[in-house]
Amino acid sequence: MRHNLEMLWKKAFDSGLPVSATPPAWAIMLIRVYDTPYILRYAPGVHGFQTPASEPMVTDLEEILSKVEQYVNQ
């Protein structure tokens, strides 16, 4: 799966993590910049790109982390 955020999200959902079946908008944006042509990972010649808004991403990540902690500690 390596850097495939969409597959990783699906695996987390399929494994029983209580998250939505589809990634949120901020994750979709990260999926796009991490996928071919790998703008975020290998950026030579790229002078700019859009990243997700920090606030909804941080809020969602805190919630996901809490769910992961609960899931692991079961």
PDB file of N, CA and C in Angstrom:
ATOM      1  N   MET A   1       0.824  -1.203   0.000  1.00  0.00           N
ATOM      2  CA  MET A   1       0.000   0.000   0.000  1.00  0.00           C
ATOM      3  C   MET A   1       0.859   1.255   0.000  1.00  0.00           C
ATOM      4  N   ARG A   2       2.010   1.169   0.586  1.00  0.00           N
ATOM      5  CA  ARG A   2       2.991   2.251   0.619  1.00  0.00           C
ATOM      6  C   ARG A   2       2.346   3.617   0.921  1.00  0.00           C
ATOM      7  N   HIS A   3       2.338   4.527  -0.043  1.00  0.00           N
ATOM      8  CA  HIS A   3       1.804   5.875   0.177  1.00  0.00           C
ATOM      9  C   HIS A   3       0.351   6.019  -0.266  1.00  0.00           C
ATOM     10  N   ASN A   4      -0.320   4.921  -0.579  1.00  0.00           N
ATOM     11  CA  ASN A   4      -1.684   4.992  -1.093  1.00  0.00           C
ATOM     12  C   ASN A   4      -2.649   5.255   0.068  1.00  0.00           C
ATOM     13  N   LEU A   5      -2.902   6.539   0.316  1.00  0.00           N
ATOM     14  CA  LEU A   5      -3.736   6.944   1.441  1.00  0.00           C
ATOM     15  C   LEU A   5      -5.169   6.435   1.320  1.00  0.00           C
ATOM     16  N   GLU A   6      -5.661   6.351   0.095  1.00  0.00           N
ATOM     17  CA  GLU A   6      -7.031   5.876  -0.091  1.00  0.00           C
ATOM     18  C   GLU A   6      -7.148   4.396   0.303  1.00  0.00           C
ATOM     19  N   MET A   7      -6.188   3.578  -0.110  1.00  0.00           N
ATOM     20  CA  MET A   7      -6.197   2.166   0.267  1.00  0.00           C
ATOM     21  C   MET A   7      -6.007   1.994   1.768  1.00  0.00           C
ATOM     22  N   LEU A   8      -5.137   2.812   2.362  1.00  0.00           N
ATOM     23  CA  LEU A   8      -4.917   2.738   3.808  1.00  0.00           C
ATOM     24  C   LEU A   8      -6.184   3.105   4.569  1.00  0.00           C
ATOM     25  N   TRP A   9      -6.882   4.129   4.096  1.00  0.00           N
ATOM     26  CA  TRP A   9      -8.146   4.541   4.728  1.00  0.00           C
ATOM     27  C   TRP A   9      -9.158   3.395   4.646  1.00  0.00           C
ATOM     28  N   LYS A  10      -9.276   2.787   3.447  1.00  0.00           N
ATOM     29  CA  LYS A  10     -10.215   1.690   3.253  1.00  0.00           C
ATOM     30  C   LYS A  10      -9.852   0.509   4.150  1.00  0.00           C
ATOM     31  N   LYS A  11      -8.571   0.206   4.277  1.00  0.00           N
ATOM     32  CA  LYS A  11      -8.142  -0.896   5.130  1.00  0.00           C
ATOM     33  C   LYS A  11      -8.515  -0.623   6.590  1.00  0.00           C
ATOM     34  N   ALA A  12      -8.320   0.631   7.035  1.00  0.00           N
ATOM     35  CA  ALA A  12      -8.693   0.989   8.407  1.00  0.00           C
ATOM     36  C   ALA A  12     -10.191   0.785   8.612  1.00  0.00           C
ATOM     37  N   PHE A  13     -10.996   1.243   7.658  1.00  0.00           N
ATOM     38  CA  PHE A  13     -12.454   1.080   7.743  1.00  0.00           C
ATOM     39  C   PHE A  13     -12.826  -0.400   7.741  1.00  0.00           C
ATOM     40  N   ASP A  14     -12.257  -1.152   6.789  1.00  0.00           N
ATOM     41  CA  ASP A  14     -12.569  -2.582   6.668  1.00  0.00           C
ATOM     42  C   ASP A  14     -12.115  -3.371   7.895  1.00  0.00           C
ATOM     43  N   SER A  15     -11.094  -2.865   8.589  1.00  0.00           N
ATOM     44  CA  SER A  15     -10.589  -3.541   9.785  1.00  0.00           C
ATOM     45  C   SER A  15     -11.422  -3.247  11.026  1.00  0.00           C
ATOM     46  N   GLY A  16     -12.417  -2.370  10.860  1.00  0.00           N
ATOM     47  CA  GLY A  16     -13.321  -2.099  11.966  1.00  0.00           C
ATOM     48  C   GLY A  16     -13.119  -0.764  12.652  1.00  0.00           C
ATOM     49  N   LEU A  17     -12.191   0.056  12.181  1.00  0.00           N
ATOM     50  CA  LEU A  17     -12.037   1.381  12.775  1.00  0.00           C
ATOM     51  C   LEU A  17     -13.297   2.183  12.491  1.00  0.00           C
ATOM     52  N   PRO A  18     -13.900   2.790  13.517  1.00  0.00           N
ATOM     53  CA  PRO A  18     -15.173   3.487  13.309  1.00  0.00           C
ATOM     54  C   PRO A  18     -15.003   4.853  12.635  1.00  0.00           C
ATOM     55  N   VAL A  19     -14.622   4.827  11.352  1.00  0.00           N
ATOM     56  CA  VAL A  19     -14.512   6.032  10.535  1.00  0.00           C
ATOM     57  C   VAL A  19     -15.450   5.855   9.343  1.00  0.00           C
ATOM     58  N   SER A  20     -15.685   6.935   8.614  1.00  0.00           N
ATOM     59  CA  SER A  20     -16.557   6.835   7.440  1.00  0.00           C
ATOM     60  C   SER A  20     -15.894   5.941   6.391  1.00  0.00           C
ATOM     61  N   ALA A  21     -16.714   5.344   5.541  1.00  0.00           N
ATOM     62  CA  ALA A  21     -16.199   4.461   4.496  1.00  0.00           C
ATOM     63  C   ALA A  21     -15.386   5.232   3.464  1.00  0.00           C
ATOM     64  N   THR A  22     -15.737   6.499   3.269  1.00  0.00           N
ATOM     65  CA  THR A  22     -14.994   7.323   2.317  1.00  0.00           C
ATOM     66  C   THR A  22     -14.195   8.371   3.076  1.00  0.00           C
ATOM     67  N   PRO A  23     -12.991   8.666   2.608  1.00  0.00           N
ATOM     68  CA  PRO A  23     -12.169   9.673   3.283  1.00  0.00           C
ATOM     69  C   PRO A  23     -12.817  11.057   3.219  1.00  0.00           C
ATOM     70  N   PRO A  24     -12.544  11.917   4.225  1.00  0.00           N
ATOM     71  CA  PRO A  24     -13.060  13.289   4.189  1.00  0.00           C
ATOM     72  C   PRO A  24     -12.358  14.112   3.107  1.00  0.00           C
ATOM     73  N   ALA A  25     -12.882  15.296   2.849  1.00  0.00           N
ATOM     74  CA  ALA A  25     -12.370  16.158   1.770  1.00  0.00           C
ATOM     75  C   ALA A  25     -10.880  16.442   1.907  1.00  0.00           C
ATOM     76  N   TRP A  26     -10.395  16.693   3.134  1.00  0.00           N
ATOM     77  CA  TRP A  26      -8.965  16.997   3.302  1.00  0.00           C
ATOM     78  C   TRP A  26      -8.115  15.791   2.934  1.00  0.00           C
ATOM     79  N   ALA A  27      -8.604  14.586   3.213  1.00  0.00           N
ATOM     80  CA  ALA A  27      -7.847  13.379   2.866  1.00  0.00           C
ATOM     81  C   ALA A  27      -7.839  13.172   1.354  1.00  0.00           C
ATOM     82  N   ILE A  28      -8.958  13.452   0.704  1.00  0.00           N
ATOM     83  CA  ILE A  28      -9.031  13.349  -0.760  1.00  0.00           C
ATOM     84  C   ILE A  28      -8.004  14.281  -1.387  1.00  0.00           C
ATOM     85  N   MET A  29      -7.879  15.500  -0.845  1.00  0.00           N
ATOM     86  CA  MET A  29      -6.907  16.445  -1.382  1.00  0.00           C
ATOM     87  C   MET A  29      -5.486  15.904  -1.205  1.00  0.00           C
ATOM     88  N   LEU A  30      -5.187  15.343  -0.033  1.00  0.00           N
ATOM     89  CA  LEU A  30      -3.865  14.758   0.182  1.00  0.00           C
ATOM     90  C   LEU A  30      -3.638  13.570  -0.746  1.00  0.00           C
ATOM     91  N   ILE A  31      -4.668  12.768  -0.968  1.00  0.00           N
ATOM     92  CA  ILE A  31      -4.563  11.626  -1.878  1.00  0.00           C
ATOM     93  C   ILE A  31      -4.169  12.115  -3.269  1.00  0.00           C
ATOM     94  N   ARG A  32      -4.765  13.198  -3.711  1.00  0.00           N
ATOM     95  CA  ARG A  32      -4.467  13.734  -5.051  1.00  0.00           C
ATOM     96  C   ARG A  32      -3.027  14.213  -5.172  1.00  0.00           C
ATOM     97  N   VAL A  33      -2.503  14.890  -4.162  1.00  0.00           N
ATOM     98  CA  VAL A  33      -1.129  15.396  -4.284  1.00  0.00           C
ATOM     99  C   VAL A  33      -0.086  14.325  -3.988  1.00  0.00           C
ATOM    100  N   TYR A  34      -0.476  13.227  -3.329  1.00  0.00           N
ATOM    101  CA  TYR A  34       0.453  12.123  -3.093  1.00  0.00           C
ATOM    102  C   TYR A  34       0.455  11.127  -4.244  1.00  0.00           C
ATOM    103  N   ASP A  35      -0.570  11.172  -5.110  1.00  0.00           N
ATOM    104  CA  ASP A  35      -0.668  10.234  -6.217  1.00  0.00           C
ATOM    105  C   ASP A  35       0.098  10.770  -7.424  1.00  0.00           C
ATOM    106  N   THR A  36       0.175   9.971  -8.473  1.00  0.00           N
ATOM    107  CA  THR A  36       0.857  10.365  -9.705  1.00  0.00           C
ATOM    108  C   THR A  36       0.390  11.740 -10.134  1.00  0.00           C
ATOM    109  N   PRO A  37       1.249  12.669 -10.404  1.00  0.00           N
ATOM    110  CA  PRO A  37       2.697  12.612 -10.582  1.00  0.00           C
ATOM    111  C   PRO A  37       3.493  12.924  -9.312  1.00  0.00           C
ATOM    112  N   TYR A  38       2.936  12.646  -8.146  1.00  0.00           N
ATOM    113  CA  TYR A  38       3.646  12.767  -6.863  1.00  0.00           C
ATOM    114  C   TYR A  38       4.119  14.196  -6.577  1.00  0.00           C
ATOM    115  N   ILE A  39       3.214  15.134  -6.763  1.00  0.00           N
ATOM    116  CA  ILE A  39       3.536  16.557  -6.591  1.00  0.00           C
ATOM    117  C   ILE A  39       4.088  16.855  -5.198  1.00  0.00           C
ATOM    118  N   LEU A  40       3.480  16.289  -4.167  1.00  0.00           N
ATOM    119  CA  LEU A  40       3.902  16.608  -2.807  1.00  0.00           C
ATOM    120  C   LEU A  40       5.203  15.912  -2.431  1.00  0.00           C
ATOM    121  N   ARG A  41       5.412  14.711  -2.930  1.00  0.00           N
ATOM    122  CA  ARG A  41       6.613  13.962  -2.572  1.00  0.00           C
ATOM    123  C   ARG A  41       7.833  14.377  -3.378  1.00  0.00           C
ATOM    124  N   TYR A  42       7.655  14.637  -4.663  1.00  0.00           N
ATOM    125  CA  TYR A  42       8.776  14.978  -5.549  1.00  0.00           C
ATOM    126  C   TYR A  42       8.389  16.232  -6.325  1.00  0.00           C
ATOM    127  N   ALA A  43       8.770  17.381  -5.817  1.00  0.00           N
ATOM    128  CA  ALA A  43       8.225  18.638  -6.344  1.00  0.00           C
ATOM    129  C   ALA A  43       9.159  19.458  -7.235  1.00  0.00           C
ATOM    130  N   PRO A  44      10.185  18.926  -7.882  1.00  0.00           N
ATOM    131  CA  PRO A  44      11.013  19.783  -8.726  1.00  0.00           C
ATOM    132  C   PRO A  44      10.192  20.387  -9.856  1.00  0.00           C
ATOM    133  N   GLY A  45      10.385  21.669 -10.079  1.00  0.00           N
ATOM    134  CA  GLY A  45       9.672  22.358 -11.141  1.00  0.00           C
ATOM    135  C   GLY A  45       8.250  22.757 -10.782  1.00  0.00           C
ATOM    136  N   VAL A  46       7.785  22.386  -9.606  1.00  0.00           N
ATOM    137  CA  VAL A  46       6.438  22.759  -9.178  1.00  0.00           C
ATOM    138  C   VAL A  46       6.571  24.012  -8.314  1.00  0.00           C
ATOM    139  N   HIS A  47       5.860  25.036  -8.673  1.00  0.00           N
ATOM    140  CA  HIS A  47       5.996  26.312  -7.969  1.00  0.00           C
ATOM    141  C   HIS A  47       4.878  26.563  -6.971  1.00  0.00           C
ATOM    142  N   GLY A  48       3.963  25.653  -6.873  1.00  0.00           N
ATOM    143  CA  GLY A  48       2.897  25.812  -5.902  1.00  0.00           C
ATOM    144  C   GLY A  48       1.868  24.708  -6.039  1.00  0.00           C
ATOM    145  N   PHE A  49       1.213  24.427  -4.944  1.00  0.00           N
ATOM    146  CA  PHE A  49       0.123  23.474  -4.933  1.00  0.00           C
ATOM    147  C   PHE A  49      -0.750  23.787  -3.741  1.00  0.00           C
ATOM    148  N   GLN A  50      -1.962  23.280  -3.776  1.00  0.00           N
ATOM    149  CA  GLN A  50      -2.926  23.552  -2.710  1.00  0.00           C
ATOM    150  C   GLN A  50      -2.924  22.405  -1.716  1.00  0.00           C
ATOM    151  N   THR A  51      -2.938  22.754  -0.443  1.00  0.00           N
ATOM    152  CA  THR A  51      -3.038  21.748   0.613  1.00  0.00           C
ATOM    153  C   THR A  51      -4.375  21.927   1.330  1.00  0.00           C
ATOM    154  N   PRO A  52      -4.809  20.921   2.064  1.00  0.00           N
ATOM    155  CA  PRO A  52      -6.083  21.038   2.762  1.00  0.00           C
ATOM    156  C   PRO A  52      -6.040  22.100   3.865  1.00  0.00           C
ATOM    157  N   ALA A  53      -7.195  22.626   4.193  1.00  0.00           N
ATOM    158  CA  ALA A  53      -7.300  23.571   5.303  1.00  0.00           C
ATOM    159  C   ALA A  53      -6.891  22.863   6.595  1.00  0.00           C
ATOM    160  N   SER A  54      -6.084  23.516   7.399  1.00  0.00           N
ATOM    161  CA  SER A  54      -5.524  22.887   8.597  1.00  0.00           C
ATOM    162  C   SER A  54      -6.571  22.533   9.647  1.00  0.00           C
ATOM    163  N   GLU A  55      -7.506  23.436   9.900  1.00  0.00           N
ATOM    164  CA  GLU A  55      -8.430  23.226  11.021  1.00  0.00           C
ATOM    165  C   GLU A  55      -9.280  21.966  10.879  1.00  0.00           C
ATOM    166  N   PRO A  56      -9.995  21.768   9.772  1.00  0.00           N
ATOM    167  CA  PRO A  56     -10.800  20.543   9.720  1.00  0.00           C
ATOM    168  C   PRO A  56      -9.931  19.287   9.710  1.00  0.00           C
ATOM    169  N   MET A  57      -8.757  19.373   9.103  1.00  0.00           N
ATOM    170  CA  MET A  57      -7.876  18.216   9.065  1.00  0.00           C
ATOM    171  C   MET A  57      -7.388  17.862  10.464  1.00  0.00           C
ATOM    172  N   VAL A  58      -6.949  18.850  11.240  1.00  0.00           N
ATOM    173  CA  VAL A  58      -6.455  18.592  12.598  1.00  0.00           C
ATOM    174  C   VAL A  58      -7.579  18.048  13.483  1.00  0.00           C
ATOM    175  N   THR A  59      -8.757  18.642  13.379  1.00  0.00           N
ATOM    176  CA  THR A  59      -9.897  18.172  14.175  1.00  0.00           C
ATOM    177  C   THR A  59     -10.215  16.719  13.843  1.00  0.00           C
ATOM    178  N   ASP A  60     -10.282  16.400  12.552  1.00  0.00           N
ATOM    179  CA  ASP A  60     -10.564  15.025  12.138  1.00  0.00           C
ATOM    180  C   ASP A  60      -9.457  14.073  12.577  1.00  0.00           C
ATOM    181  N   LEU A  61      -8.202  14.492  12.446  1.00  0.00           N
ATOM    182  CA  LEU A  61      -7.091  13.624  12.833  1.00  0.00           C
ATOM    183  C   LEU A  61      -7.089  13.350  14.335  1.00  0.00           C
ATOM    184  N   GLU A  62      -7.440  14.341  15.131  1.00  0.00           N
ATOM    185  CA  GLU A  62      -7.545  14.113  16.581  1.00  0.00           C
ATOM    186  C   GLU A  62      -8.630  13.088  16.885  1.00  0.00           C
ATOM    187  N   GLU A  63      -9.759  13.199  16.186  1.00  0.00           N
ATOM    188  CA  GLU A  63     -10.858  12.245  16.381  1.00  0.00           C
ATOM    189  C   GLU A  63     -10.447  10.846  15.935  1.00  0.00           C
ATOM    190  N   ILE A  64      -9.768  10.765  14.786  1.00  0.00           N
ATOM    191  CA  ILE A  64      -9.309   9.470  14.282  1.00  0.00           C
ATOM    192  C   ILE A  64      -8.297   8.858  15.243  1.00  0.00           C
ATOM    193  N   LEU A  65      -7.369   9.651  15.747  1.00  0.00           N
ATOM    194  CA  LEU A  65      -6.377   9.150  16.697  1.00  0.00           C
ATOM    195  C   LEU A  65      -7.058   8.594  17.945  1.00  0.00           C
ATOM    196  N   SER A  66      -8.077   9.290  18.428  1.00  0.00           N
ATOM    197  CA  SER A  66      -8.823   8.812  19.582  1.00  0.00           C
ATOM    198  C   SER A  66      -9.481   7.465  19.282  1.00  0.00           C
ATOM    199  N   LYS A  67     -10.073   7.334  18.096  1.00  0.00           N
ATOM    200  CA  LYS A  67     -10.710   6.080  17.706  1.00  0.00           C
ATOM    201  C   LYS A  67      -9.688   4.955  17.584  1.00  0.00           C
ATOM    202  N   VAL A  68      -8.523   5.271  17.031  1.00  0.00           N
ATOM    203  CA  VAL A  68      -7.469   4.262  16.897  1.00  0.00           C
ATOM    204  C   VAL A  68      -7.008   3.805  18.274  1.00  0.00           C
ATOM    205  N   GLU A  69      -6.815   4.749  19.195  1.00  0.00           N
ATOM    206  CA  GLU A  69      -6.399   4.391  20.556  1.00  0.00           C
ATOM    207  C   GLU A  69      -7.431   3.487  21.220  1.00  0.00           C
ATOM    208  N   GLN A  70      -8.722   3.814  21.086  1.00  0.00           N
ATOM    209  CA  GLN A  70      -9.780   2.992  21.656  1.00  0.00           C
ATOM    210  C   GLN A  70      -9.801   1.615  21.011  1.00  0.00           C
ATOM    211  N   TYR A  71      -9.630   1.571  19.702  1.00  0.00           N
ATOM    212  CA  TYR A  71      -9.650   0.306  18.965  1.00  0.00           C
ATOM    213  C   TYR A  71      -8.483  -0.600  19.387  1.00  0.00           C
ATOM    214  N   VAL A  72      -7.308  -0.021  19.510  1.00  0.00           N
ATOM    215  CA  VAL A  72      -6.113  -0.783  19.888  1.00  0.00           C
ATOM    216  C   VAL A  72      -6.204  -1.281  21.328  1.00  0.00           C
ATOM    217  N   ASN A  73      -6.802  -0.487  22.191  1.00  0.00           N
ATOM    218  CA  ASN A  73      -6.877  -0.849  23.608  1.00  0.00           C
ATOM    219  C   ASN A  73      -8.041  -1.778  23.945  1.00  0.00           C
ATOM    220  N   GLN A  74      -8.813  -2.201  22.963  1.00  0.00           N
ATOM    221  CA  GLN A  74      -9.952  -3.101  23.220  1.00  0.00           C
ATOM    222  C   GLN A  74      -9.465  -4.492  23.609  1.00  0.00           C
TER     223      GLN A  74
END
